[in-house]
């Protein structure tokens, strides 16, 4: 039961952040393309994996 409540809360917060971001983009006219965001996230993930691999070898 607690997990369900937690999941709903996290989901609601996620949606609220997305809606706020959309409104900010409409207000400012500044949009960031999803491909750019995905590329940045992929880069961060690759860096984190590299760090973990180096740590595991040490």
PDB file of N, CA and C in Angstrom:
ATOM      1  N   UNK A   1       0.826  -1.196   0.000  1.00  0.00           N
ATOM      2  CA  UNK A   1       0.000   0.000   0.000  1.00  0.00           C
ATOM      3  C   UNK A   1       0.871   1.261   0.000  1.00  0.00           C
ATOM      4  N   UNK A   2       1.877   1.279   0.861  1.00  0.00           N
ATOM      5  CA  UNK A   2       2.747   2.458   0.935  1.00  0.00           C
ATOM      6  C   UNK A   2       3.485   2.679  -0.383  1.00  0.00           C
ATOM      7  N   UNK A   3       3.885   1.576  -1.029  1.00  0.00           N
ATOM      8  CA  UNK A   3       4.574   1.698  -2.318  1.00  0.00           C
ATOM      9  C   UNK A   3       3.669   2.346  -3.352  1.00  0.00           C
ATOM     10  N   UNK A   4       2.409   1.969  -3.351  1.00  0.00           N
ATOM     11  CA  UNK A   4       1.453   2.534  -4.300  1.00  0.00           C
ATOM     12  C   UNK A   4       1.288   4.027  -4.067  1.00  0.00           C
ATOM     13  N   UNK A   5       1.175   4.412  -2.824  1.00  0.00           N
ATOM     14  CA  UNK A   5       1.039   5.833  -2.485  1.00  0.00           C
ATOM     15  C   UNK A   5       2.293   6.592  -2.901  1.00  0.00           C
ATOM     16  N   UNK A   6       3.455   6.015  -2.621  1.00  0.00           N
ATOM     17  CA  UNK A   6       4.729   6.640  -2.988  1.00  0.00           C
ATOM     18  C   UNK A   6       4.822   6.798  -4.505  1.00  0.00           C
ATOM     19  N   UNK A   7       4.467   5.741  -5.245  1.00  0.00           N
ATOM     20  CA  UNK A   7       4.518   5.797  -6.711  1.00  0.00           C
ATOM     21  C   UNK A   7       3.603   6.885  -7.254  1.00  0.00           C
ATOM     22  N   UNK A   8       2.413   6.983  -6.695  1.00  0.00           N
ATOM     23  CA  UNK A   8       1.462   8.015  -7.140  1.00  0.00           C
ATOM     24  C   UNK A   8       2.003   9.409  -6.864  1.00  0.00           C
ATOM     25  N   UNK A   9       2.616   9.588  -5.705  1.00  0.00           N
ATOM     26  CA  UNK A   9       3.179  10.887  -5.348  1.00  0.00           C
ATOM     27  C   UNK A   9       4.317  11.259  -6.293  1.00  0.00           C
ATOM     28  N   UNK A  10       5.205  10.307  -6.537  1.00  0.00           N
ATOM     29  CA  UNK A  10       6.337  10.557  -7.431  1.00  0.00           C
ATOM     30  C   UNK A  10       5.838  10.866  -8.840  1.00  0.00           C
ATOM     31  N   UNK A  11       4.845  10.121  -9.285  1.00  0.00           N
ATOM     32  CA  UNK A  11       4.278  10.351 -10.626  1.00  0.00           C
ATOM     33  C   UNK A  11       3.648  11.733 -10.716  1.00  0.00           C
ATOM     34  N   UNK A  12       2.898  12.114  -9.701  1.00  0.00           N
ATOM     35  CA  UNK A  12       2.255  13.432  -9.690  1.00  0.00           C
ATOM     36  C   UNK A  12       3.297  14.547  -9.707  1.00  0.00           C
ATOM     37  N   UNK A  13       4.377  14.369  -8.948  1.00  0.00           N
ATOM     38  CA  UNK A  13       5.452  15.371  -8.936  1.00  0.00           C
ATOM     39  C   UNK A  13       6.126  15.459 -10.302  1.00  0.00           C
ATOM     40  N   UNK A  14       6.338  14.315 -10.939  1.00  0.00           N
ATOM     41  CA  UNK A  14       6.950  14.280 -12.269  1.00  0.00           C
ATOM     42  C   UNK A  14       6.083  15.033 -13.275  1.00  0.00           C
ATOM     43  N   UNK A  15       4.802  14.766 -13.246  1.00  0.00           N
ATOM     44  CA  UNK A  15       3.880  15.440 -14.162  1.00  0.00           C
ATOM     45  C   UNK A  15       3.852  16.933 -13.883  1.00  0.00           C
ATOM     46  N   UNK A  16       3.838  17.314 -12.618  1.00  0.00           N
ATOM     47  CA  UNK A  16       3.831  18.736 -12.259  1.00  0.00           C
ATOM     48  C   UNK A  16       5.082  19.437 -12.781  1.00  0.00           C
ATOM     49  N   UNK A  17       6.249  18.786 -12.655  1.00  0.00           N
ATOM     50  CA  UNK A  17       7.487  19.379 -13.184  1.00  0.00           C
ATOM     51  C   UNK A  17       7.414  19.530 -14.696  1.00  0.00           C
ATOM     52  N   UNK A  18       6.871  18.535 -15.373  1.00  0.00           N
ATOM     53  CA  UNK A  18       6.738  18.601 -16.828  1.00  0.00           C
ATOM     54  C   UNK A  18       5.821  19.720 -17.264  1.00  0.00           C
ATOM     55  N   UNK A  19       4.703  19.868 -16.589  1.00  0.00           N
ATOM     56  CA  UNK A  19       3.761  20.939 -16.927  1.00  0.00           C
ATOM     57  C   UNK A  19       4.365  22.310 -16.650  1.00  0.00           C
ATOM     58  N   UNK A  20       5.085  22.430 -15.545  1.00  0.00           N
ATOM     59  CA  UNK A  20       5.743  23.701 -15.226  1.00  0.00           C
ATOM     60  C   UNK A  20       6.797  24.031 -16.274  1.00  0.00           C
ATOM     61  N   UNK A  21       7.524  23.018 -16.712  1.00  0.00           N
ATOM     62  CA  UNK A  21       8.544  23.218 -17.739  1.00  0.00           C
ATOM     63  C   UNK A  21       7.903  23.661 -19.049  1.00  0.00           C
ATOM     64  N   UNK A  22       6.798  23.046 -19.387  1.00  0.00           N
ATOM     65  CA  UNK A  22       6.082  23.428 -20.613  1.00  0.00           C
ATOM     66  C   UNK A  22       5.631  24.875 -20.542  1.00  0.00           C
ATOM     67  N   UNK A  23       5.082  25.268 -19.415  1.00  0.00           N
ATOM     68  CA  UNK A  23       4.621  26.645 -19.261  1.00  0.00           C
ATOM     69  C   UNK A  23       5.783  27.635 -19.330  1.00  0.00           C
ATOM     70  N   UNK A  24       6.908  27.268 -18.727  1.00  0.00           N
ATOM     71  CA  UNK A  24       8.100  28.122 -18.776  1.00  0.00           C
ATOM     72  C   UNK A  24       8.584  28.274 -20.220  1.00  0.00           C
ATOM     73  N   UNK A  25       8.563  27.182 -20.964  1.00  0.00           N
ATOM     74  CA  UNK A  25       8.982  27.235 -22.370  1.00  0.00           C
ATOM     75  C   UNK A  25       8.031  28.117 -23.180  1.00  0.00           C
ATOM     76  N   UNK A  26       6.748  27.997 -22.926  1.00  0.00           N
ATOM     77  CA  UNK A  26       5.778  28.852 -23.627  1.00  0.00           C
ATOM     78  C   UNK A  26       6.004  30.316 -23.279  1.00  0.00           C
ATOM     79  N   UNK A  27       6.269  30.577 -22.000  1.00  0.00           N
ATOM     80  CA  UNK A  27       6.438  31.946 -21.533  1.00  0.00           C
ATOM     81  C   UNK A  27       7.695  32.590 -22.111  1.00  0.00           C
ATOM     82  N   UNK A  28       8.785  31.835 -22.126  1.00  0.00           N
ATOM     83  CA  UNK A  28      10.067  32.398 -22.552  1.00  0.00           C
ATOM     84  C   UNK A  28      10.359  32.192 -24.034  1.00  0.00           C
ATOM     85  N   UNK A  29       9.696  31.219 -24.638  1.00  0.00           N
ATOM     86  CA  UNK A  29       9.985  30.892 -26.029  1.00  0.00           C
ATOM     87  C   UNK A  29      11.257  30.080 -26.191  1.00  0.00           C
ATOM     88  N   UNK A  30      11.826  29.622 -25.076  1.00  0.00           N
ATOM     89  CA  UNK A  30      13.058  28.833 -25.108  1.00  0.00           C
ATOM     90  C   UNK A  30      12.694  27.357 -24.953  1.00  0.00           C
ATOM     91  N   UNK A  31      12.998  26.603 -25.985  1.00  0.00           N
ATOM     92  CA  UNK A  31      12.716  25.171 -25.990  1.00  0.00           C
ATOM     93  C   UNK A  31      14.021  24.413 -26.191  1.00  0.00           C
ATOM     94  N   UNK A  32      14.142  23.280 -25.547  1.00  0.00           N
ATOM     95  CA  UNK A  32      15.302  22.413 -25.754  1.00  0.00           C
ATOM     96  C   UNK A  32      14.789  21.138 -26.410  1.00  0.00           C
ATOM     97  N   UNK A  33      15.335  20.847 -27.573  1.00  0.00           N
ATOM     98  CA  UNK A  33      14.913  19.685 -28.341  1.00  0.00           C
ATOM     99  C   UNK A  33      15.178  18.394 -27.558  1.00  0.00           C
ATOM    100  N   UNK A  34      14.269  17.458 -27.639  1.00  0.00           N
ATOM    101  CA  UNK A  34      14.411  16.190 -26.919  1.00  0.00           C
ATOM    102  C   UNK A  34      15.684  15.455 -27.317  1.00  0.00           C
ATOM    103  N   UNK A  35      16.080  15.552 -28.584  1.00  0.00           N
ATOM    104  CA  UNK A  35      17.311  14.886 -29.025  1.00  0.00           C
ATOM    105  C   UNK A  35      18.532  15.431 -28.288  1.00  0.00           C
ATOM    106  N   UNK A  36      18.530  16.724 -28.007  1.00  0.00           N
ATOM    107  CA  UNK A  36      19.637  17.343 -27.272  1.00  0.00           C
ATOM    108  C   UNK A  36      19.665  16.810 -25.837  1.00  0.00           C
ATOM    109  N   UNK A  37      18.514  16.751 -25.225  1.00  0.00           N
ATOM    110  CA  UNK A  37      18.424  16.245 -23.850  1.00  0.00           C
ATOM    111  C   UNK A  37      18.873  14.786 -23.797  1.00  0.00           C
ATOM    112  N   UNK A  38      18.397  13.984 -24.740  1.00  0.00           N
ATOM    113  CA  UNK A  38      18.776  12.567 -24.764  1.00  0.00           C
ATOM    114  C   UNK A  38      20.278  12.403 -24.954  1.00  0.00           C
ATOM    115  N   UNK A  39      20.860  13.211 -25.817  1.00  0.00           N
ATOM    116  CA  UNK A  39      22.310  13.138 -26.042  1.00  0.00           C
ATOM    117  C   UNK A  39      23.077  13.488 -24.769  1.00  0.00           C
ATOM    118  N   UNK A  40      22.633  14.515 -24.065  1.00  0.00           N
ATOM    119  CA  UNK A  40      23.294  14.905 -22.814  1.00  0.00           C
ATOM    120  C   UNK A  40      23.179  13.802 -21.763  1.00  0.00           C
ATOM    121  N   UNK A  41      22.001  13.198 -21.672  1.00  0.00           N
ATOM    122  CA  UNK A  41      21.809  12.115 -20.704  1.00  0.00           C
ATOM    123  C   UNK A  41      22.652  10.897 -21.066  1.00  0.00           C
ATOM    124  N   UNK A  42      22.735  10.580 -22.352  1.00  0.00           N
ATOM    125  CA  UNK A  42      23.557   9.448 -22.792  1.00  0.00           C
ATOM    126  C   UNK A  42      25.025   9.690 -22.456  1.00  0.00           C
ATOM    127  N   UNK A  43      25.475  10.926 -22.625  1.00  0.00           N
ATOM    128  CA  UNK A  43      26.861  11.271 -22.302  1.00  0.00           C
ATOM    129  C   UNK A  43      27.123  11.092 -20.803  1.00  0.00           C
ATOM    130  N   UNK A  44      26.192  11.575 -19.971  1.00  0.00           N
ATOM    131  CA  UNK A  44      26.344  11.434 -18.519  1.00  0.00           C
ATOM    132  C   UNK A  44      26.356   9.962 -18.112  1.00  0.00           C
ATOM    133  N   UNK A  45      25.496   9.169 -18.742  1.00  0.00           N
ATOM    134  CA  UNK A  45      25.438   7.745 -18.438  1.00  0.00           C
ATOM    135  C   UNK A  45      26.745   7.058 -18.816  1.00  0.00           C
ATOM    136  N   UNK A  46      27.279   7.385 -19.979  1.00  0.00           N
ATOM    137  CA  UNK A  46      28.550   6.801 -20.416  1.00  0.00           C
ATOM    138  C   UNK A  46      29.673   7.174 -19.454  1.00  0.00           C
ATOM    139  N   UNK A  47      29.695   8.417 -19.009  1.00  0.00           N
ATOM    140  CA  UNK A  47      30.717   8.857 -18.060  1.00  0.00           C
ATOM    141  C   UNK A  47      30.595   8.107 -16.734  1.00  0.00           C
ATOM    142  N   UNK A  48      29.368   7.929 -16.267  1.00  0.00           N
ATOM    143  CA  UNK A  48      29.149   7.215 -15.008  1.00  0.00           C
ATOM    144  C   UNK A  48      29.588   5.759 -15.135  1.00  0.00           C
ATOM    145  N   UNK A  49      29.282   5.146 -16.262  1.00  0.00           N
ATOM    146  CA  UNK A  49      29.690   3.753 -16.476  1.00  0.00           C
ATOM    147  C   UNK A  49      31.211   3.636 -16.496  1.00  0.00           C
ATOM    148  N   UNK A  50      31.863   4.584 -17.144  1.00  0.00           N
ATOM    149  CA  UNK A  50      33.327   4.579 -17.200  1.00  0.00           C
ATOM    150  C   UNK A  50      33.912   4.693 -15.796  1.00  0.00           C
ATOM    151  N   UNK A  51      33.359   5.605 -14.996  1.00  0.00           N
ATOM    152  CA  UNK A  51      33.835   5.762 -13.616  1.00  0.00           C
ATOM    153  C   UNK A  51      33.660   4.469 -12.824  1.00  0.00           C
ATOM    154  N   UNK A  52      32.509   3.829 -12.983  1.00  0.00           N
ATOM    155  CA  UNK A  52      32.249   2.587 -12.252  1.00  0.00           C
ATOM    156  C   UNK A  52      33.197   1.473 -12.689  1.00  0.00           C
ATOM    157  N   UNK A  53      33.470   1.399 -13.984  1.00  0.00           N
ATOM    158  CA  UNK A  53      34.390   0.375 -14.480  1.00  0.00           C
ATOM    159  C   UNK A  53      35.791   0.596 -13.929  1.00  0.00           C
ATOM    160  N   UNK A  54      36.227   1.848 -13.897  1.00  0.00           N
ATOM    161  CA  UNK A  54      37.550   2.162 -13.357  1.00  0.00           C
ATOM    162  C   UNK A  54      37.613   1.827 -11.874  1.00  0.00           C
ATOM    163  N   UNK A  55      36.532   2.126 -11.172  1.00  0.00           N
ATOM    164  CA  UNK A  55      36.468   1.858  -9.736  1.00  0.00           C
ATOM    165  C   UNK A  55      36.512   0.348  -9.470  1.00  0.00           C
ATOM    166  N   UNK A  56      35.832  -0.427 -10.318  1.00  0.00           N
ATOM    167  CA  UNK A  56      35.786  -1.878 -10.141  1.00  0.00           C
ATOM    168  C   UNK A  56      37.148  -2.510 -10.392  1.00  0.00           C
ATOM    169  N   UNK A  57      37.926  -1.921 -11.285  1.00  0.00           N
ATOM    170  CA  UNK A  57      39.260  -2.451 -11.601  1.00  0.00           C
ATOM    171  C   UNK A  57      40.276  -2.131 -10.505  1.00  0.00           C
ATOM    172  N   UNK A  58      40.030  -1.059  -9.781  1.00  0.00           N
ATOM    173  CA  UNK A  58      41.005  -0.597  -8.769  1.00  0.00           C
ATOM    174  C   UNK A  58      41.016  -1.463  -7.530  1.00  0.00           C
TER     175      UNK A  58
END
